[in-house]
Amino acid sequence: MILIFSVNDDYSTSRVINWLIHMKKAFIRLNENSDVEIISLTTDDFTLKIDGKRVHSAQITKIWYRRGGLYLSKDFSSALIKEYLSSEIASLVQYFYYVLDKKPAINNFRTRDINKLHLMDLCKKYAIAAPAFLVTSCKNTLLNFYHQEKQLISKPLTAPFSMVDSDDFAHLSYTAEITLADINDLPEQFVPTFFQKNIIKTYEIRAFYLNGDFYAMAIFSQNNKNTNVDFRNYDYGKPNRLTPYQFPRSYERKIQKLLDAIGLNCASFDVVYAMEDQQYYFLDLNPIGQFGMVSNPCNYHLEKEIASTL
């Protein structure tokens, strides 16, 4: 049986499950609102009840950590009891993740969040070019960095921010170009913010990695004002050209060393091919990123590949 950790609205999980059904592979999906109870947990094995169904550790052959986690919190009338039990549950869940790590899996709980700054350090270690960056809260320091690099962008250090307000309007955070006028409008001190050199690209590449195999797609977004900084700010009226892409094997080896160092056997990542010096620049890595946008245009059938791996 395959144990899948996901969330209700993840369409990619559902498409992989369709293939699992086709392949007649048994599975159970655990979402953020699944009713989960730990019946027993020892050094050797465990038994869970997931939405009323008992699952013993011996039944689980593979695990797919897609998204979400194990949620055991209950409502308690006493705030004091809730605070105490929350820490107990957190310790229990942490150990349970450790136990699950013993099973063959696609990704794991320890690598669901990648620190962007640590990622830049690893790029340097494995000789993978990445744009120069600066984290600062000082206007003068930022001005010096701007004059040094000429063109800057800013983006979140964590996962992109998104929310839906009371009027059902979606607010999303995108990578934004930072101009000299933007910097001049800043106060002398502001919250620490991540800034990065803006690489003028010939094209950008969204890629998916699974157990040593690379599936890449070139995105010709550079000539569209909506997408030339952030492809996610998509122009549906004038779509970008998308085409399958093959990295040089030497570059794939570098990326694989990086992913091995982090402990990932599956991830989505973004690269740009620079116009000025004609080399690759590694931008970002997301272990739980959407892969349908690479799978569908390029006919990679990644959902089937994941199901086959499981």
Protein backbone atom coordinates (compact mmCIF):
# COMPACT_ATOMS: atom_id res chain seq x y z
CA MET A 1 0.00 0.00 0.00
CA ILE A 2 1.17 3.51 -0.85
CA LEU A 3 0.69 6.18 1.82
CA ILE A 4 0.18 9.61 0.25
CA PHE A 5 0.43 12.85 2.20
CA SER A 6 -1.30 15.71 0.41
CA VAL A 7 -3.96 18.42 0.70
CA ASN A 8 -7.53 18.44 -0.57
CA ASP A 9 -7.11 20.92 -3.40
CA ASP A 10 -3.93 19.49 -4.94
CA TYR A 11 -5.01 18.48 -8.42
CA SER A 12 -1.63 16.91 -9.23
CA THR A 13 -2.11 14.35 -6.46
CA SER A 14 -5.49 13.38 -7.89
CA ARG A 15 -4.01 12.89 -11.37
CA VAL A 16 -1.28 10.61 -9.98
CA ILE A 17 -3.95 8.67 -8.08
CA ASN A 18 -5.85 8.13 -11.34
CA TRP A 19 -2.76 6.35 -12.65
CA LEU A 20 -2.40 4.33 -9.43
CA ILE A 21 -5.97 3.14 -9.89
CA HIS A 22 -5.20 2.25 -13.51
CA MET A 23 -2.10 0.33 -12.38
CA LYS A 24 -4.13 -1.40 -9.65
CA LYS A 25 -1.81 -0.16 -6.90
CA ALA A 26 -3.36 0.11 -3.43
CA PHE A 27 -3.07 3.50 -1.75
CA ILE A 28 -4.49 5.67 0.97
CA ARG A 29 -4.50 9.47 0.78
CA LEU A 30 -4.07 11.53 3.93
CA ASN A 31 -5.22 15.17 3.61
CA GLU A 32 -5.11 18.07 6.04
CA ASN A 33 -8.65 17.35 7.26
CA SER A 34 -8.37 13.55 7.40
CA ASP A 35 -9.43 11.98 10.69
CA VAL A 36 -6.20 10.39 11.95
CA GLU A 37 -5.61 8.39 15.10
CA ILE A 38 -2.40 6.69 16.21
CA ILE A 39 -3.50 3.31 17.54
CA SER A 40 0.04 2.22 18.42
CA LEU A 41 3.60 3.32 17.82
CA THR A 42 6.73 1.46 18.87
CA THR A 43 10.32 1.27 17.72
CA ASP A 44 9.43 -1.59 15.39
CA ASP A 45 6.02 -0.72 13.94
CA PHE A 46 2.90 1.44 14.09
CA THR A 47 -0.82 1.28 13.44
CA LEU A 48 -2.88 4.24 12.26
CA LYS A 49 -6.57 4.75 11.76
CA ILE A 50 -7.15 7.05 8.78
CA ASP A 51 -10.75 8.08 8.18
CA GLY A 52 -11.89 4.92 9.96
CA LYS A 53 -9.52 2.56 8.15
CA ARG A 54 -6.76 0.76 10.07
CA VAL A 55 -3.35 0.84 8.42
CA HIS A 56 -0.42 -1.15 9.84
CA SER A 57 3.15 -0.19 9.03
CA ALA A 58 3.80 -3.60 7.45
CA GLN A 59 1.13 -2.80 4.82
CA ILE A 60 2.92 0.37 3.69
CA THR A 61 5.38 -0.30 0.89
CA LYS A 62 6.00 3.27 -0.34
CA ILE A 63 5.35 6.81 0.83
CA TRP A 64 4.78 9.91 -1.28
CA TYR A 65 5.20 13.14 0.59
CA ARG A 66 3.43 15.57 -1.71
CA ARG A 67 2.16 18.20 0.72
CA GLY A 68 0.52 18.57 4.12
CA GLY A 69 1.46 16.40 7.08
CA LEU A 70 0.11 14.45 10.03
CA TYR A 71 -2.45 16.50 11.95
CA LEU A 72 -3.50 15.13 15.34
CA SER A 73 -4.68 18.31 17.10
CA LYS A 74 -8.01 18.13 18.92
CA ASP A 75 -10.19 20.80 20.50
CA PHE A 76 -9.88 21.19 24.26
CA SER A 77 -11.90 23.36 26.60
CA SER A 78 -8.89 24.33 28.69
CA ALA A 79 -6.29 26.60 27.04
CA LEU A 80 -3.66 25.30 29.46
CA ILE A 81 -4.36 21.67 28.58
CA LYS A 82 -4.38 22.58 24.88
CA GLU A 83 -0.96 24.25 25.17
CA TYR A 84 0.52 21.26 26.99
CA LEU A 85 -0.96 18.64 24.69
CA SER A 86 0.02 20.62 21.60
CA SER A 87 3.68 20.29 22.58
CA GLU A 88 3.18 16.60 23.31
CA ILE A 89 1.54 16.03 19.94
CA ALA A 90 4.28 18.00 18.16
CA SER A 91 6.92 15.74 19.73
CA LEU A 92 4.95 12.64 18.77
CA VAL A 93 4.50 13.77 15.17
CA GLN A 94 8.21 14.61 14.89
CA TYR A 95 9.11 11.07 15.95
CA PHE A 96 6.49 9.60 13.64
CA TYR A 97 8.11 11.42 10.71
CA TYR A 98 11.41 9.87 11.73
CA VAL A 99 9.80 6.42 11.69
CA LEU A 100 8.29 7.05 8.26
CA ASP A 101 11.72 7.99 6.91
CA LYS A 102 12.65 4.30 7.17
CA LYS A 103 10.19 3.51 4.36
CA PRO A 104 11.05 3.91 0.64
CA ALA A 105 9.62 7.28 -0.38
CA ILE A 106 9.41 10.12 -2.81
CA ASN A 107 10.72 12.99 -0.68
CA ASN A 108 10.20 13.37 3.05
CA PHE A 109 9.04 15.74 5.78
CA ARG A 110 12.48 17.14 6.55
CA THR A 111 12.95 18.63 3.09
CA ARG A 112 9.54 20.19 2.45
CA ASP A 113 10.84 23.71 3.14
CA ILE A 114 14.09 24.80 1.50
CA ASN A 115 15.83 27.85 2.93
CA LYS A 116 16.59 30.11 -0.04
CA LEU A 117 19.79 31.47 1.53
CA HIS A 118 21.07 27.99 2.33
CA LEU A 119 20.25 27.03 -1.26
CA MET A 120 22.47 29.87 -2.52
CA ASP A 121 25.31 28.56 -0.32
CA LEU A 122 24.90 25.07 -1.78
CA CYS A 123 24.95 26.47 -5.30
CA LYS A 124 28.32 28.03 -4.55
CA LYS A 125 29.59 24.76 -3.05
CA TYR A 126 28.66 22.75 -6.14
CA ALA A 127 29.80 25.38 -8.68
CA ILE A 128 26.27 26.17 -9.85
CA ALA A 129 26.00 29.79 -10.95
CA ALA A 130 23.30 31.81 -9.17
CA PRO A 131 22.52 35.54 -9.28
CA ALA A 132 24.26 37.76 -6.71
CA PHE A 133 21.99 38.55 -3.77
CA LEU A 134 21.75 40.86 -0.79
CA VAL A 135 19.59 40.81 2.32
CA THR A 136 19.42 44.25 3.87
CA SER A 137 17.27 46.62 5.88
CA CYS A 138 19.37 49.68 5.00
CA LYS A 139 18.56 52.01 2.09
CA ASN A 140 22.18 53.09 1.52
CA THR A 141 23.39 49.49 1.40
CA LEU A 142 20.69 48.69 -1.14
CA LEU A 143 21.67 51.72 -3.25
CA ASN A 144 25.26 50.53 -3.36
CA PHE A 145 24.11 47.07 -4.45
CA TYR A 146 21.90 48.61 -7.14
CA HIS A 147 24.75 50.67 -8.58
CA GLN A 148 26.96 47.58 -8.55
CA GLU A 149 24.50 45.21 -10.29
CA LYS A 150 22.50 47.78 -12.35
CA GLN A 151 19.26 45.75 -12.35
CA LEU A 152 17.57 44.19 -9.31
CA ILE A 153 14.55 42.12 -8.36
CA SER A 154 13.02 41.24 -5.01
CA LYS A 155 11.10 38.13 -4.00
CA PRO A 156 10.07 36.32 -0.81
CA LEU A 157 12.57 34.19 1.05
CA THR A 158 9.82 31.68 1.78
CA ALA A 159 7.02 30.25 -0.35
CA PRO A 160 5.10 32.88 -2.34
CA PHE A 161 2.40 34.61 -0.31
CA SER A 162 -1.23 34.12 -1.31
CA MET A 163 -4.57 34.88 0.30
CA VAL A 164 -8.22 35.44 -0.61
CA ASP A 165 -9.90 38.45 1.00
CA SER A 166 -13.52 38.90 2.13
CA ASP A 167 -14.48 40.01 -1.38
CA ASP A 168 -13.17 36.70 -2.78
CA PHE A 169 -10.25 38.53 -4.44
CA ALA A 170 -6.95 36.65 -4.62
CA HIS A 171 -3.74 38.41 -3.54
CA LEU A 172 -0.51 36.83 -4.79
CA SER A 173 3.14 37.73 -4.34
CA TYR A 174 5.33 37.74 -7.44
CA THR A 175 8.97 38.47 -8.13
CA ALA A 176 9.16 42.23 -8.75
CA GLU A 177 11.69 44.43 -10.53
CA ILE A 178 13.24 47.05 -8.24
CA THR A 179 14.00 50.40 -9.87
CA LEU A 180 16.05 53.31 -8.59
CA ALA A 181 12.77 55.18 -8.04
CA ASP A 182 11.54 52.31 -5.84
CA ILE A 183 14.69 52.50 -3.73
CA ASN A 184 14.49 56.29 -3.41
CA ASP A 185 10.94 55.93 -2.08
CA LEU A 186 12.07 53.62 0.71
CA PRO A 187 12.67 54.85 4.27
CA GLU A 188 16.23 54.79 5.58
CA GLN A 189 15.45 51.59 7.48
CA PHE A 190 12.97 48.85 6.53
CA VAL A 191 12.36 45.20 7.29
CA PRO A 192 15.17 42.87 6.12
CA THR A 193 14.42 42.08 2.48
CA PHE A 194 15.90 39.76 -0.12
CA PHE A 195 17.22 41.45 -3.28
CA GLN A 196 18.88 39.75 -6.22
CA LYS A 197 20.55 40.69 -9.48
CA ASN A 198 18.09 40.55 -12.35
CA ILE A 199 19.56 38.28 -15.03
CA ILE A 200 18.49 39.33 -18.51
CA LYS A 201 17.53 36.02 -20.04
CA THR A 202 17.44 34.50 -23.48
CA TYR A 203 14.84 32.10 -22.06
CA GLU A 204 13.96 30.48 -18.74
CA ILE A 205 13.62 26.81 -17.87
CA ARG A 206 11.18 25.13 -15.52
CA ALA A 207 12.35 21.60 -14.74
CA PHE A 208 11.16 18.59 -12.81
CA TYR A 209 13.50 16.01 -11.29
CA LEU A 210 12.58 12.46 -10.28
CA ASN A 211 15.09 9.83 -9.17
CA GLY A 212 17.91 10.84 -11.49
CA ASP A 213 15.78 11.85 -14.48
CA PHE A 214 15.29 15.43 -15.66
CA TYR A 215 12.21 16.75 -17.45
CA ALA A 216 12.73 20.34 -18.56
CA MET A 217 10.71 22.95 -20.44
CA ALA A 218 12.02 26.16 -22.02
CA ILE A 219 9.78 29.19 -21.57
CA PHE A 220 10.26 32.07 -23.98
CA SER A 221 8.96 34.75 -21.63
CA GLN A 222 11.58 37.44 -22.09
CA ASN A 223 9.73 39.58 -24.66
CA ASN A 224 6.47 39.89 -22.72
CA LYS A 225 6.32 42.70 -20.14
CA ASN A 226 4.00 40.63 -17.95
CA THR A 227 6.25 37.58 -17.77
CA ASN A 228 9.80 38.81 -18.37
CA VAL A 229 10.45 39.07 -14.62
CA ASP A 230 8.09 36.38 -13.28
CA PHE A 231 6.54 33.78 -15.57
CA ARG A 232 3.74 33.17 -13.02
CA ASN A 233 2.33 36.60 -13.85
CA TYR A 234 0.94 34.87 -16.90
CA ASP A 235 -0.40 36.61 -19.99
CA TYR A 236 -3.34 34.48 -21.16
CA GLY A 237 -3.98 36.86 -24.05
CA LYS A 238 -0.49 36.33 -25.45
CA PRO A 239 0.81 32.99 -24.13
CA ASN A 240 4.54 32.31 -24.00
CA ARG A 241 6.02 29.68 -26.31
CA LEU A 242 6.82 26.47 -24.42
CA THR A 243 9.01 23.64 -25.67
CA PRO A 244 10.73 20.51 -24.25
CA TYR A 245 14.34 21.16 -23.26
CA GLN A 246 17.44 19.10 -22.56
CA PHE A 247 20.16 20.31 -20.18
CA PRO A 248 23.79 19.38 -20.90
CA ARG A 249 24.66 16.24 -18.95
CA SER A 250 27.42 18.13 -17.11
CA TYR A 251 24.84 20.58 -15.74
CA GLU A 252 22.47 17.77 -14.75
CA ARG A 253 25.28 16.16 -12.73
CA LYS A 254 25.79 19.39 -10.78
CA ILE A 255 22.09 19.70 -10.03
CA GLN A 256 21.88 16.07 -8.97
CA LYS A 257 24.74 16.59 -6.48
CA LEU A 258 22.88 19.59 -5.07
CA LEU A 259 19.63 17.64 -4.68
CA ASP A 260 21.45 14.66 -3.15
CA ALA A 261 23.06 16.99 -0.60
CA ILE A 262 19.63 18.31 0.41
CA GLY A 263 18.13 14.81 0.47
CA LEU A 264 15.66 15.23 -2.39
CA ASN A 265 14.75 12.63 -4.99
CA CYS A 266 11.96 14.75 -6.47
CA ALA A 267 11.68 18.52 -6.99
CA SER A 268 10.78 21.36 -9.34
CA PHE A 269 13.39 24.03 -10.06
CA ASP A 270 13.85 27.17 -12.14
CA VAL A 271 16.84 28.22 -14.23
CA VAL A 272 17.49 31.05 -16.68
CA TYR A 273 19.87 31.07 -19.62
CA ALA A 274 21.57 34.47 -19.58
CA MET A 275 21.76 36.65 -22.65
CA GLU A 276 24.98 38.41 -21.61
CA ASP A 277 27.35 35.54 -20.75
CA GLN A 278 25.33 32.62 -22.14
CA GLN A 279 25.36 30.46 -19.06
CA TYR A 280 22.75 28.95 -16.75
CA TYR A 281 21.74 30.71 -13.52
CA PHE A 282 19.93 28.67 -10.89
CA LEU A 283 17.02 30.62 -9.41
CA ASP A 284 14.84 28.52 -7.16
CA LEU A 285 13.95 25.05 -5.92
CA ASN A 286 10.62 23.73 -4.66
CA PRO A 287 10.20 20.12 -3.46
CA ILE A 288 6.41 20.45 -3.54
CA GLY A 289 6.06 22.68 -6.60
CA GLN A 290 3.43 22.10 -9.27
CA PHE A 291 4.67 19.89 -12.10
CA GLY A 292 1.58 19.80 -14.29
CA MET A 293 2.73 22.96 -16.08
CA VAL A 294 5.78 20.99 -17.31
CA SER A 295 4.02 17.68 -17.79
CA ASN A 296 1.15 18.82 -20.00
CA PRO A 297 2.80 21.14 -22.58
CA CYS A 298 5.74 18.77 -23.11
CA ASN A 299 3.76 15.50 -23.00
CA TYR A 300 6.07 14.16 -20.31
CA HIS A 301 3.20 12.37 -18.49
CA LEU A 302 4.90 13.03 -15.16
CA GLU A 303 1.86 11.84 -13.24
CA LYS A 304 2.33 8.40 -14.80
CA GLU A 305 6.08 8.49 -14.06
CA ILE A 306 5.42 9.25 -10.38
CA ALA A 307 2.78 6.50 -10.17
CA SER A 308 5.21 4.03 -11.75
CA THR A 309 7.91 5.00 -9.23
CA LEU A 310 5.48 4.40 -6.39
